[in-house]
């Protein structure tokens, strides 16, 4: 998926066996979700014409459903159909541009976006995904980390493993045996790219946290910093002062589906939505070299208090 993964399991005896199972699980997920693998389910769907049906399994249905739900909640800011926009800005299958995409090029590719053009069909033969205009392409990388973390967690649970920490990209999932283990301490990184520094600490117990940030993936074009987060309503990278969003939820997929959408919304709208939906959210804004932090009431319960 173009990122790293790490699974920590204390006192694991059959390490090689469990590691091989985890790798097979992640390889299977990548074959389904990858935008780079030509044979993936995502790539197969992207090649289809309008009204053609792509058969999908329950896992793919679960991801698409989460994406469409969060798309509605964030007023279209989280949109998995912006693959063509991601490409023209150099974060997809195309190389990074030497010049800004023209307004005409941006508008042309914006026509090929919109989650309202996706439709899920369920009947006695199976579950299908279709689109109502030609050229629509999906990119599920913004939810892939969360889904994969939940999938690995399900695998470990089946093997009777109750205490572990899964990290995939910007998503962390923690499971502990309530009778034996204490919550795990997780650090939220200061949103800077020069070095790793702790911004604040939280404790997690049988829950997940996912963080999206404008500092994670970017490049410079004509001395301007270009973020990998594209606003579907403008077709351009985000330019506001909200630089990091962390969301805690019971599942990694839910946390991962919210963080990007909230970040693209910007601080004021993200704060308002977090309060309305009663989400556990941490928002970090930056003005020059000064960082400011807002945490929702539900997020406060996870903070590690200094003694």
C-alpha atoms as a PDB file:
ATOM      1  CA  UNK A   1       0.000   0.000   0.000  1.00  0.00           C
ATOM      2  CA  UNK A   2       3.044   2.269  -0.155  1.00  0.00           C
ATOM      3  CA  UNK A   3       3.514   2.445   3.608  1.00  0.00           C
ATOM      4  CA  UNK A   4       4.984   0.535   6.526  1.00  0.00           C
ATOM      5  CA  UNK A   5       3.445  -1.912   8.981  1.00  0.00           C
ATOM      6  CA  UNK A   6       4.412  -3.167  12.415  1.00  0.00           C
ATOM      7  CA  UNK A   7       2.758  -5.633  14.772  1.00  0.00           C
ATOM      8  CA  UNK A   8       3.915  -5.989  18.386  1.00  0.00           C
ATOM      9  CA  UNK A   9       2.831  -9.111  20.257  1.00  0.00           C
ATOM     10  CA  UNK A  10       4.415  -9.695  23.698  1.00  0.00           C
ATOM     11  CA  UNK A  11       5.630 -13.199  24.557  1.00  0.00           C
ATOM     12  CA  UNK A  12       4.814 -14.642  21.147  1.00  0.00           C
ATOM     13  CA  UNK A  13       6.115 -18.175  20.770  1.00  0.00           C
ATOM     14  CA  UNK A  14       5.262 -19.057  17.161  1.00  0.00           C
ATOM     15  CA  UNK A  15       6.602 -15.809  15.688  1.00  0.00           C
ATOM     16  CA  UNK A  16       7.477 -17.029  12.173  1.00  0.00           C
ATOM     17  CA  UNK A  17       4.090 -18.661  11.687  1.00  0.00           C
ATOM     18  CA  UNK A  18       2.088 -15.636  12.870  1.00  0.00           C
ATOM     19  CA  UNK A  19       4.274 -13.275  10.847  1.00  0.00           C
ATOM     20  CA  UNK A  20       3.643 -15.317   7.685  1.00  0.00           C
ATOM     21  CA  UNK A  21      -0.120 -15.183   8.321  1.00  0.00           C
ATOM     22  CA  UNK A  22      -0.012 -11.406   8.787  1.00  0.00           C
ATOM     23  CA  UNK A  23       1.964 -10.945   5.566  1.00  0.00           C
ATOM     24  CA  UNK A  24      -0.494 -13.105   3.627  1.00  0.00           C
ATOM     25  CA  UNK A  25      -3.380 -11.087   5.066  1.00  0.00           C
ATOM     26  CA  UNK A  26      -1.794  -7.760   4.063  1.00  0.00           C
ATOM     27  CA  UNK A  27      -0.846  -9.077   0.615  1.00  0.00           C
ATOM     28  CA  UNK A  28      -4.467 -10.110   0.101  1.00  0.00           C
ATOM     29  CA  UNK A  29      -5.681  -6.648   1.140  1.00  0.00           C
ATOM     30  CA  UNK A  30      -3.197  -4.962  -1.185  1.00  0.00           C
ATOM     31  CA  UNK A  31      -4.354  -7.095  -4.129  1.00  0.00           C
ATOM     32  CA  UNK A  32      -7.850  -5.822  -3.434  1.00  0.00           C
ATOM     33  CA  UNK A  33      -7.166  -2.134  -2.649  1.00  0.00           C
ATOM     34  CA  UNK A  34      -4.026  -1.149  -4.556  1.00  0.00           C
ATOM     35  CA  UNK A  35      -4.227   1.613  -7.158  1.00  0.00           C
ATOM     36  CA  UNK A  36      -0.870   0.475  -8.597  1.00  0.00           C
ATOM     37  CA  UNK A  37      -1.502  -3.239  -9.109  1.00  0.00           C
ATOM     38  CA  UNK A  38      -3.243  -3.647 -12.458  1.00  0.00           C
ATOM     39  CA  UNK A  39      -5.090  -6.765 -11.323  1.00  0.00           C
ATOM     40  CA  UNK A  40      -6.481  -5.335  -8.063  1.00  0.00           C
ATOM     41  CA  UNK A  41     -10.234  -4.957  -7.575  1.00  0.00           C
ATOM     42  CA  UNK A  42      -9.776  -1.168  -7.526  1.00  0.00           C
ATOM     43  CA  UNK A  43      -7.909  -1.222 -10.850  1.00  0.00           C
ATOM     44  CA  UNK A  44     -10.481  -3.545 -12.407  1.00  0.00           C
ATOM     45  CA  UNK A  45     -13.291  -1.199 -11.384  1.00  0.00           C
ATOM     46  CA  UNK A  46     -11.419   1.838 -12.689  1.00  0.00           C
ATOM     47  CA  UNK A  47     -11.229   0.249 -16.153  1.00  0.00           C
ATOM     48  CA  UNK A  48     -14.986  -0.338 -16.371  1.00  0.00           C
ATOM     49  CA  UNK A  49     -17.374   1.760 -18.434  1.00  0.00           C
ATOM     50  CA  UNK A  50     -20.490   3.311 -16.924  1.00  0.00           C
ATOM     51  CA  UNK A  51     -23.217   0.936 -15.719  1.00  0.00           C
ATOM     52  CA  UNK A  52     -20.908  -2.081 -15.926  1.00  0.00           C
ATOM     53  CA  UNK A  53     -20.863  -4.153 -12.735  1.00  0.00           C
ATOM     54  CA  UNK A  54     -17.810  -4.994 -10.632  1.00  0.00           C
ATOM     55  CA  UNK A  55     -18.461  -7.853  -8.250  1.00  0.00           C
ATOM     56  CA  UNK A  56     -17.101  -7.112  -4.773  1.00  0.00           C
ATOM     57  CA  UNK A  57     -16.773  -9.150  -1.584  1.00  0.00           C
ATOM     58  CA  UNK A  58     -18.056  -8.196   1.867  1.00  0.00           C
ATOM     59  CA  UNK A  59     -14.728  -6.589   2.818  1.00  0.00           C
ATOM     60  CA  UNK A  60     -14.730  -4.281  -0.200  1.00  0.00           C
ATOM     61  CA  UNK A  61     -18.394  -3.490   0.438  1.00  0.00           C
ATOM     62  CA  UNK A  62     -17.497  -2.601   4.042  1.00  0.00           C
ATOM     63  CA  UNK A  63     -14.824  -0.122   2.897  1.00  0.00           C
ATOM     64  CA  UNK A  64     -16.955   1.516   0.199  1.00  0.00           C
ATOM     65  CA  UNK A  65     -19.885   1.828   2.601  1.00  0.00           C
ATOM     66  CA  UNK A  66     -17.671   3.537   5.180  1.00  0.00           C
ATOM     67  CA  UNK A  67     -16.311   5.897   2.510  1.00  0.00           C
ATOM     68  CA  UNK A  68     -19.777   6.869   1.267  1.00  0.00           C
ATOM     69  CA  UNK A  69     -21.062   7.405   4.813  1.00  0.00           C
ATOM     70  CA  UNK A  70     -18.167   9.696   5.753  1.00  0.00           C
ATOM     71  CA  UNK A  71     -18.483  11.470   2.397  1.00  0.00           C
ATOM     72  CA  UNK A  72     -22.014  12.483   3.335  1.00  0.00           C
ATOM     73  CA  UNK A  73     -21.038  13.459   6.884  1.00  0.00           C
ATOM     74  CA  UNK A  74     -18.126  15.653   5.702  1.00  0.00           C
ATOM     75  CA  UNK A  75     -20.175  17.337   2.955  1.00  0.00           C
ATOM     76  CA  UNK A  76     -18.151  15.645   0.233  1.00  0.00           C
ATOM     77  CA  UNK A  77     -14.681  16.438   1.592  1.00  0.00           C
ATOM     78  CA  UNK A  78     -13.733  12.767   1.928  1.00  0.00           C
ATOM     79  CA  UNK A  79     -14.172  11.510  -1.608  1.00  0.00           C
ATOM     80  CA  UNK A  80     -12.639   8.274  -2.903  1.00  0.00           C
ATOM     81  CA  UNK A  81     -13.400   9.236  -6.526  1.00  0.00           C
ATOM     82  CA  UNK A  82     -10.678  11.925  -6.769  1.00  0.00           C
ATOM     83  CA  UNK A  83      -8.141   9.509  -8.246  1.00  0.00           C
ATOM     84  CA  UNK A  84      -7.727  11.610 -11.421  1.00  0.00           C
ATOM     85  CA  UNK A  85      -7.039  14.740  -9.329  1.00  0.00           C
ATOM     86  CA  UNK A  86      -4.514  12.832  -7.211  1.00  0.00           C
ATOM     87  CA  UNK A  87      -2.762  11.809 -10.433  1.00  0.00           C
ATOM     88  CA  UNK A  88      -2.470  15.299 -11.975  1.00  0.00           C
ATOM     89  CA  UNK A  89      -0.958  16.635  -8.736  1.00  0.00           C
ATOM     90  CA  UNK A  90       1.687  13.889  -8.768  1.00  0.00           C
ATOM     91  CA  UNK A  91       0.540  11.722  -5.853  1.00  0.00           C
ATOM     92  CA  UNK A  92      -0.838   8.816  -7.854  1.00  0.00           C
ATOM     93  CA  UNK A  93       0.440   6.902 -10.869  1.00  0.00           C
ATOM     94  CA  UNK A  94       1.820  10.028 -12.589  1.00  0.00           C
ATOM     95  CA  UNK A  95       5.102  11.815 -11.866  1.00  0.00           C
ATOM     96  CA  UNK A  96       5.111  15.077  -9.934  1.00  0.00           C
ATOM     97  CA  UNK A  97       4.428  17.989 -12.327  1.00  0.00           C
ATOM     98  CA  UNK A  98       6.996  20.666 -13.169  1.00  0.00           C
ATOM     99  CA  UNK A  99       4.247  23.269 -13.429  1.00  0.00           C
ATOM    100  CA  UNK A 100       0.883  23.852 -11.788  1.00  0.00           C
ATOM    101  CA  UNK A 101      -1.948  22.023 -13.544  1.00  0.00           C
ATOM    102  CA  UNK A 102      -3.971  24.520 -15.560  1.00  0.00           C
ATOM    103  CA  UNK A 103      -7.427  25.611 -14.422  1.00  0.00           C
ATOM    104  CA  UNK A 104      -8.836  23.867 -17.497  1.00  0.00           C
ATOM    105  CA  UNK A 105      -7.073  20.619 -16.604  1.00  0.00           C
ATOM    106  CA  UNK A 106      -8.296  20.782 -13.000  1.00  0.00           C
ATOM    107  CA  UNK A 107     -11.896  21.458 -14.098  1.00  0.00           C
ATOM    108  CA  UNK A 108     -11.727  18.655 -16.671  1.00  0.00           C
ATOM    109  CA  UNK A 109     -10.660  16.175 -14.008  1.00  0.00           C
ATOM    110  CA  UNK A 110     -13.135  17.476 -11.426  1.00  0.00           C
ATOM    111  CA  UNK A 111     -15.913  16.416 -13.793  1.00  0.00           C
ATOM    112  CA  UNK A 112     -14.652  12.848 -13.281  1.00  0.00           C
ATOM    113  CA  UNK A 113     -15.200  12.964  -9.511  1.00  0.00           C
ATOM    114  CA  UNK A 114     -18.109  12.686  -7.108  1.00  0.00           C
ATOM    115  CA  UNK A 115     -19.141   9.848  -4.814  1.00  0.00           C
ATOM    116  CA  UNK A 116     -22.741  10.344  -5.954  1.00  0.00           C
ATOM    117  CA  UNK A 117     -21.690   8.623  -9.181  1.00  0.00           C
ATOM    118  CA  UNK A 118     -21.009   5.362  -7.311  1.00  0.00           C
ATOM    119  CA  UNK A 119     -23.749   2.867  -6.598  1.00  0.00           C
ATOM    120  CA  UNK A 120     -23.791  -0.387  -4.657  1.00  0.00           C
ATOM    121  CA  UNK A 121     -26.143  -3.090  -5.939  1.00  0.00           C
ATOM    122  CA  UNK A 122     -27.039  -6.114  -3.802  1.00  0.00           C
ATOM    123  CA  UNK A 123     -29.067  -9.002  -5.152  1.00  0.00           C
ATOM    124  CA  UNK A 124     -29.309 -12.773  -4.902  1.00  0.00           C
ATOM    125  CA  UNK A 125     -26.222 -13.148  -7.118  1.00  0.00           C
ATOM    126  CA  UNK A 126     -23.907 -11.035  -4.970  1.00  0.00           C
ATOM    127  CA  UNK A 127     -22.741  -7.486  -4.246  1.00  0.00           C
ATOM    128  CA  UNK A 128     -21.710  -5.167  -7.075  1.00  0.00           C
ATOM    129  CA  UNK A 129     -20.226  -1.695  -7.480  1.00  0.00           C
ATOM    130  CA  UNK A 130     -21.024   0.443 -10.508  1.00  0.00           C
ATOM    131  CA  UNK A 131     -20.683   4.037 -11.746  1.00  0.00           C
ATOM    132  CA  UNK A 132     -22.998   6.181 -13.829  1.00  0.00           C
ATOM    133  CA  UNK A 133     -20.415   8.146 -15.856  1.00  0.00           C
ATOM    134  CA  UNK A 134     -17.331   7.047 -17.779  1.00  0.00           C
ATOM    135  CA  UNK A 135     -13.894   7.909 -16.441  1.00  0.00           C
ATOM    136  CA  UNK A 136     -14.663   7.738 -12.726  1.00  0.00           C
ATOM    137  CA  UNK A 137     -11.771   6.145 -10.830  1.00  0.00           C
ATOM    138  CA  UNK A 138     -11.581   5.318  -7.138  1.00  0.00           C
ATOM    139  CA  UNK A 139      -8.613   5.490  -4.787  1.00  0.00           C
ATOM    140  CA  UNK A 140      -9.032   3.783  -1.411  1.00  0.00           C
ATOM    141  CA  UNK A 141      -5.594   4.528   0.030  1.00  0.00           C
ATOM    142  CA  UNK A 142      -7.065   6.917   2.600  1.00  0.00           C
ATOM    143  CA  UNK A 143      -9.067   4.043   4.159  1.00  0.00           C
ATOM    144  CA  UNK A 144      -6.759   1.139   3.355  1.00  0.00           C
ATOM    145  CA  UNK A 145      -4.597   1.444   6.463  1.00  0.00           C
ATOM    146  CA  UNK A 146      -7.580   1.348   8.800  1.00  0.00           C
ATOM    147  CA  UNK A 147      -9.203  -1.582   7.031  1.00  0.00           C
ATOM    148  CA  UNK A 148      -5.952  -3.559   7.009  1.00  0.00           C
ATOM    149  CA  UNK A 149      -5.388  -2.931  10.744  1.00  0.00           C
ATOM    150  CA  UNK A 150      -8.876  -4.239  11.531  1.00  0.00           C
ATOM    151  CA  UNK A 151      -8.297  -7.222   9.235  1.00  0.00           C
ATOM    152  CA  UNK A 152      -5.024  -8.183  10.950  1.00  0.00           C
ATOM    153  CA  UNK A 153      -6.719  -7.735  14.328  1.00  0.00           C
ATOM    154  CA  UNK A 154      -9.468 -10.152  13.283  1.00  0.00           C
ATOM    155  CA  UNK A 155      -6.812 -12.660  12.208  1.00  0.00           C
ATOM    156  CA  UNK A 156      -4.988 -12.456  15.556  1.00  0.00           C
ATOM    157  CA  UNK A 157      -8.246 -12.762  17.473  1.00  0.00           C
ATOM    158  CA  UNK A 158      -9.028 -16.005  15.627  1.00  0.00           C
ATOM    159  CA  UNK A 159      -5.632 -17.312  16.719  1.00  0.00           C
ATOM    160  CA  UNK A 160      -6.461 -16.586  20.359  1.00  0.00           C
ATOM    161  CA  UNK A 161      -4.044 -13.660  20.668  1.00  0.00           C
ATOM    162  CA  UNK A 162      -5.475 -10.972  22.967  1.00  0.00           C
ATOM    163  CA  UNK A 163      -2.618  -8.529  23.563  1.00  0.00           C
ATOM    164  CA  UNK A 164      -1.043  -6.647  20.628  1.00  0.00           C
ATOM    165  CA  UNK A 165      -0.431  -3.326  18.915  1.00  0.00           C
ATOM    166  CA  UNK A 166      -0.844  -2.931  15.152  1.00  0.00           C
ATOM    167  CA  UNK A 167       0.617   0.061  13.308  1.00  0.00           C
ATOM    168  CA  UNK A 168      -0.052   0.555   9.607  1.00  0.00           C
ATOM    169  CA  UNK A 169       0.933   3.957   8.240  1.00  0.00           C
ATOM    170  CA  UNK A 170      -0.823   6.587  10.351  1.00  0.00           C
ATOM    171  CA  UNK A 171      -3.183   4.106  12.026  1.00  0.00           C
ATOM    172  CA  UNK A 172      -2.647   2.325  15.344  1.00  0.00           C
ATOM    173  CA  UNK A 173      -4.910  -0.380  16.795  1.00  0.00           C
ATOM    174  CA  UNK A 174      -4.474  -1.624  20.354  1.00  0.00           C
ATOM    175  CA  UNK A 175      -5.942  -4.734  21.937  1.00  0.00           C
ATOM    176  CA  UNK A 176      -5.303  -5.822  25.530  1.00  0.00           C
ATOM    177  CA  UNK A 177      -6.547  -8.562  27.823  1.00  0.00           C
ATOM    178  CA  UNK A 178      -8.621  -6.580  30.315  1.00  0.00           C
ATOM    179  CA  UNK A 179      -7.835  -8.965  33.162  1.00  0.00           C
ATOM    180  CA  UNK A 180      -4.067  -8.787  32.733  1.00  0.00           C
ATOM    181  CA  UNK A 181      -2.820  -5.845  30.690  1.00  0.00           C
ATOM    182  CA  UNK A 182      -2.890  -2.101  31.183  1.00  0.00           C
ATOM    183  CA  UNK A 183      -3.720   0.379  28.374  1.00  0.00           C
ATOM    184  CA  UNK A 184      -0.889   1.125  25.936  1.00  0.00           C
ATOM    185  CA  UNK A 185       0.684   4.567  25.810  1.00  0.00           C
ATOM    186  CA  UNK A 186       0.629   6.003  22.269  1.00  0.00           C
ATOM    187  CA  UNK A 187       2.363   9.202  21.138  1.00  0.00           C
ATOM    188  CA  UNK A 188       0.824  11.700  18.740  1.00  0.00           C
ATOM    189  CA  UNK A 189       3.657  13.154  16.706  1.00  0.00           C
ATOM    190  CA  UNK A 190       4.304  16.874  16.535  1.00  0.00           C
ATOM    191  CA  UNK A 191       3.315  17.835  12.957  1.00  0.00           C
ATOM    192  CA  UNK A 192       6.822  18.587  11.722  1.00  0.00           C
ATOM    193  CA  UNK A 193       8.870  16.655   9.186  1.00  0.00           C
ATOM    194  CA  UNK A 194      12.391  17.575  10.272  1.00  0.00           C
ATOM    195  CA  UNK A 195      12.441  15.222  13.245  1.00  0.00           C
ATOM    196  CA  UNK A 196      10.137  13.074  15.315  1.00  0.00           C
ATOM    197  CA  UNK A 197       8.860  14.809  18.432  1.00  0.00           C
ATOM    198  CA  UNK A 198       6.018  13.982  20.797  1.00  0.00           C
ATOM    199  CA  UNK A 199       3.119  16.443  20.783  1.00  0.00           C
ATOM    200  CA  UNK A 200       0.993  14.640  23.370  1.00  0.00           C
ATOM    201  CA  UNK A 201       0.446  11.194  24.843  1.00  0.00           C
ATOM    202  CA  UNK A 202      -2.728   9.124  25.004  1.00  0.00           C
ATOM    203  CA  UNK A 203      -3.622   5.727  26.426  1.00  0.00           C
ATOM    204  CA  UNK A 204      -5.470   3.201  24.287  1.00  0.00           C
ATOM    205  CA  UNK A 205      -7.263   0.054  25.347  1.00  0.00           C
ATOM    206  CA  UNK A 206      -9.188  -1.965  22.753  1.00  0.00           C
ATOM    207  CA  UNK A 207      -9.540   0.979  20.398  1.00  0.00           C
ATOM    208  CA  UNK A 208      -7.807   2.646  17.459  1.00  0.00           C
ATOM    209  CA  UNK A 209      -6.340   6.006  16.530  1.00  0.00           C
ATOM    210  CA  UNK A 210      -5.712   7.318  13.035  1.00  0.00           C
ATOM    211  CA  UNK A 211      -3.822  10.499  12.167  1.00  0.00           C
ATOM    212  CA  UNK A 212      -3.851  12.483   8.938  1.00  0.00           C
ATOM    213  CA  UNK A 213      -1.464  15.367   8.387  1.00  0.00           C
ATOM    214  CA  UNK A 214      -0.427  17.792   5.682  1.00  0.00           C
ATOM    215  CA  UNK A 215       3.181  17.291   6.825  1.00  0.00           C
ATOM    216  CA  UNK A 216       3.235  13.573   5.991  1.00  0.00           C
ATOM    217  CA  UNK A 217       3.401  13.621   2.206  1.00  0.00           C
ATOM    218  CA  UNK A 218       4.199  16.693   0.137  1.00  0.00           C
ATOM    219  CA  UNK A 219       6.628  18.293  -2.295  1.00  0.00           C
ATOM    220  CA  UNK A 220       7.623  21.795  -3.331  1.00  0.00           C
ATOM    221  CA  UNK A 221       6.552  23.343  -6.619  1.00  0.00           C
ATOM    222  CA  UNK A 222       7.871  26.808  -7.445  1.00  0.00           C
ATOM    223  CA  UNK A 223       8.715  27.309  -3.755  1.00  0.00           C
ATOM    224  CA  UNK A 224       5.158  26.422  -2.676  1.00  0.00           C
ATOM    225  CA  UNK A 225       4.452  23.378  -0.551  1.00  0.00           C
ATOM    226  CA  UNK A 226       2.006  20.992  -2.246  1.00  0.00           C
ATOM    227  CA  UNK A 227       0.112  18.695   0.139  1.00  0.00           C
ATOM    228  CA  UNK A 228      -1.097  15.242  -0.910  1.00  0.00           C
ATOM    229  CA  UNK A 229      -4.534  16.075   0.505  1.00  0.00           C
ATOM    230  CA  UNK A 230      -6.741  17.293  -2.324  1.00  0.00           C
ATOM    231  CA  UNK A 231      -9.951  19.234  -1.679  1.00  0.00           C
ATOM    232  CA  UNK A 232     -12.596  17.675  -3.982  1.00  0.00           C
ATOM    233  CA  UNK A 233     -14.570  20.926  -4.125  1.00  0.00           C
ATOM    234  CA  UNK A 234     -11.649  22.964  -5.501  1.00  0.00           C
ATOM    235  CA  UNK A 235      -9.526  20.280  -7.163  1.00  0.00           C
ATOM    236  CA  UNK A 236      -6.430  21.694  -5.448  1.00  0.00           C
ATOM    237  CA  UNK A 237      -4.307  20.744  -2.415  1.00  0.00           C
ATOM    238  CA  UNK A 238      -5.459  22.105   0.951  1.00  0.00           C
ATOM    239  CA  UNK A 239      -3.892  25.406   1.996  1.00  0.00           C
ATOM    240  CA  UNK A 240      -5.387  26.131   5.449  1.00  0.00           C
ATOM    241  CA  UNK A 241      -3.677  26.069   8.859  1.00  0.00           C
ATOM    242  CA  UNK A 242      -5.097  22.751  10.100  1.00  0.00           C
ATOM    243  CA  UNK A 243      -2.051  20.487   9.809  1.00  0.00           C
ATOM    244  CA  UNK A 244      -2.948  17.375  11.809  1.00  0.00           C
ATOM    245  CA  UNK A 245      -6.108  15.495  12.752  1.00  0.00           C
ATOM    246  CA  UNK A 246      -6.225  12.449  15.029  1.00  0.00           C
ATOM    247  CA  UNK A 247      -9.397  10.438  15.568  1.00  0.00           C
ATOM    248  CA  UNK A 248      -9.969   7.681  18.141  1.00  0.00           C
ATOM    249  CA  UNK A 249     -12.651   5.081  17.495  1.00  0.00           C
ATOM    250  CA  UNK A 250     -13.569   1.500  18.321  1.00  0.00           C
ATOM    251  CA  UNK A 251     -12.436   0.370  14.849  1.00  0.00           C
ATOM    252  CA  UNK A 252      -9.444   1.442  12.800  1.00  0.00           C
ATOM    253  CA  UNK A 253     -11.522   1.814   9.631  1.00  0.00           C
ATOM    254  CA  UNK A 254     -13.890   4.289  11.261  1.00  0.00           C
ATOM    255  CA  UNK A 255     -11.009   6.343  12.664  1.00  0.00           C
ATOM    256  CA  UNK A 256      -9.227   6.259   9.301  1.00  0.00           C
ATOM    257  CA  UNK A 257     -12.347   7.301   7.400  1.00  0.00           C
ATOM    258  CA  UNK A 258     -12.797  10.416   9.550  1.00  0.00           C
ATOM    259  CA  UNK A 259      -9.287  11.875   9.862  1.00  0.00           C
ATOM    260  CA  UNK A 260      -8.757  12.869   6.212  1.00  0.00           C
ATOM    261  CA  UNK A 261     -12.251  14.282   5.746  1.00  0.00           C
ATOM    262  CA  UNK A 262     -11.950  16.421   8.873  1.00  0.00           C
ATOM    263  CA  UNK A 263      -8.517  17.662   7.843  1.00  0.00           C
ATOM    264  CA  UNK A 264      -9.738  18.784   4.425  1.00  0.00           C
ATOM    265  CA  UNK A 265     -12.680  20.591   6.068  1.00  0.00           C
ATOM    266  CA  UNK A 266     -10.357  22.968   7.939  1.00  0.00           C
ATOM    267  CA  UNK A 267     -10.324  23.831  11.634  1.00  0.00           C
ATOM    268  CA  UNK A 268     -13.667  25.580  12.198  1.00  0.00           C
ATOM    269  CA  UNK A 269     -15.794  23.137  10.221  1.00  0.00           C
ATOM    270  CA  UNK A 270     -13.876  20.105  11.556  1.00  0.00           C
ATOM    271  CA  UNK A 271     -14.385  21.267  15.151  1.00  0.00           C
ATOM    272  CA  UNK A 272     -18.093  21.854  14.561  1.00  0.00           C
ATOM    273  CA  UNK A 273     -18.564  18.422  12.970  1.00  0.00           C
ATOM    274  CA  UNK A 274     -16.536  16.649  15.674  1.00  0.00           C
ATOM    275  CA  UNK A 275     -18.809  18.133  18.348  1.00  0.00           C
ATOM    276  CA  UNK A 276     -21.974  17.342  16.375  1.00  0.00           C
ATOM    277  CA  UNK A 277     -20.953  13.700  15.803  1.00  0.00           C
ATOM    278  CA  UNK A 278     -19.477  13.383  19.318  1.00  0.00           C
ATOM    279  CA  UNK A 279     -16.135  12.186  17.942  1.00  0.00           C
ATOM    280  CA  UNK A 280     -12.903  11.752  19.884  1.00  0.00           C
ATOM    281  CA  UNK A 281     -10.775  14.222  17.899  1.00  0.00           C
ATOM    282  CA  UNK A 282      -7.529  16.155  18.283  1.00  0.00           C
ATOM    283  CA  UNK A 283      -6.980  19.091  15.904  1.00  0.00           C
ATOM    284  CA  UNK A 284      -3.590  20.787  15.563  1.00  0.00           C
ATOM    285  CA  UNK A 285      -3.228  24.105  13.746  1.00  0.00           C
ATOM    286  CA  UNK A 286      -0.038  25.941  12.802  1.00  0.00           C
ATOM    287  CA  UNK A 287       0.685  29.650  12.430  1.00  0.00           C
ATOM    288  CA  UNK A 288       4.329  30.103  11.414  1.00  0.00           C
ATOM    289  CA  UNK A 289       6.203  28.046  14.045  1.00  0.00           C
ATOM    290  CA  UNK A 290       3.447  28.085  16.666  1.00  0.00           C
ATOM    291  CA  UNK A 291       1.178  25.057  17.119  1.00  0.00           C
ATOM    292  CA  UNK A 292      -2.237  25.197  18.785  1.00  0.00           C
ATOM    293  CA  UNK A 293      -4.215  22.150  19.900  1.00  0.00           C
ATOM    294  CA  UNK A 294      -7.948  21.611  20.312  1.00  0.00           C
ATOM    295  CA  UNK A 295      -9.319  18.372  21.695  1.00  0.00           C
ATOM    296  CA  UNK A 296     -12.961  17.314  21.781  1.00  0.00           C
ATOM    297  CA  UNK A 297     -14.612  16.375  25.101  1.00  0.00           C
ATOM    298  CA  UNK A 298     -14.607  12.698  24.126  1.00  0.00           C
ATOM    299  CA  UNK A 299     -10.872  12.800  23.280  1.00  0.00           C
ATOM    300  CA  UNK A 300      -9.947  14.176  26.719  1.00  0.00           C
ATOM    301  CA  UNK A 301     -10.643  10.864  28.429  1.00  0.00           C
ATOM    302  CA  UNK A 302      -7.725   9.311  26.493  1.00  0.00           C
ATOM    303  CA  UNK A 303      -5.101  11.883  27.508  1.00  0.00           C
ATOM    304  CA  UNK A 304      -2.208  10.781  29.686  1.00  0.00           C
ATOM    305  CA  UNK A 305      -2.178  13.141  32.634  1.00  0.00           C
ATOM    306  CA  UNK A 306       1.178  14.225  34.005  1.00  0.00           C
ATOM    307  CA  UNK A 307       1.607  13.457  37.682  1.00  0.00           C
END
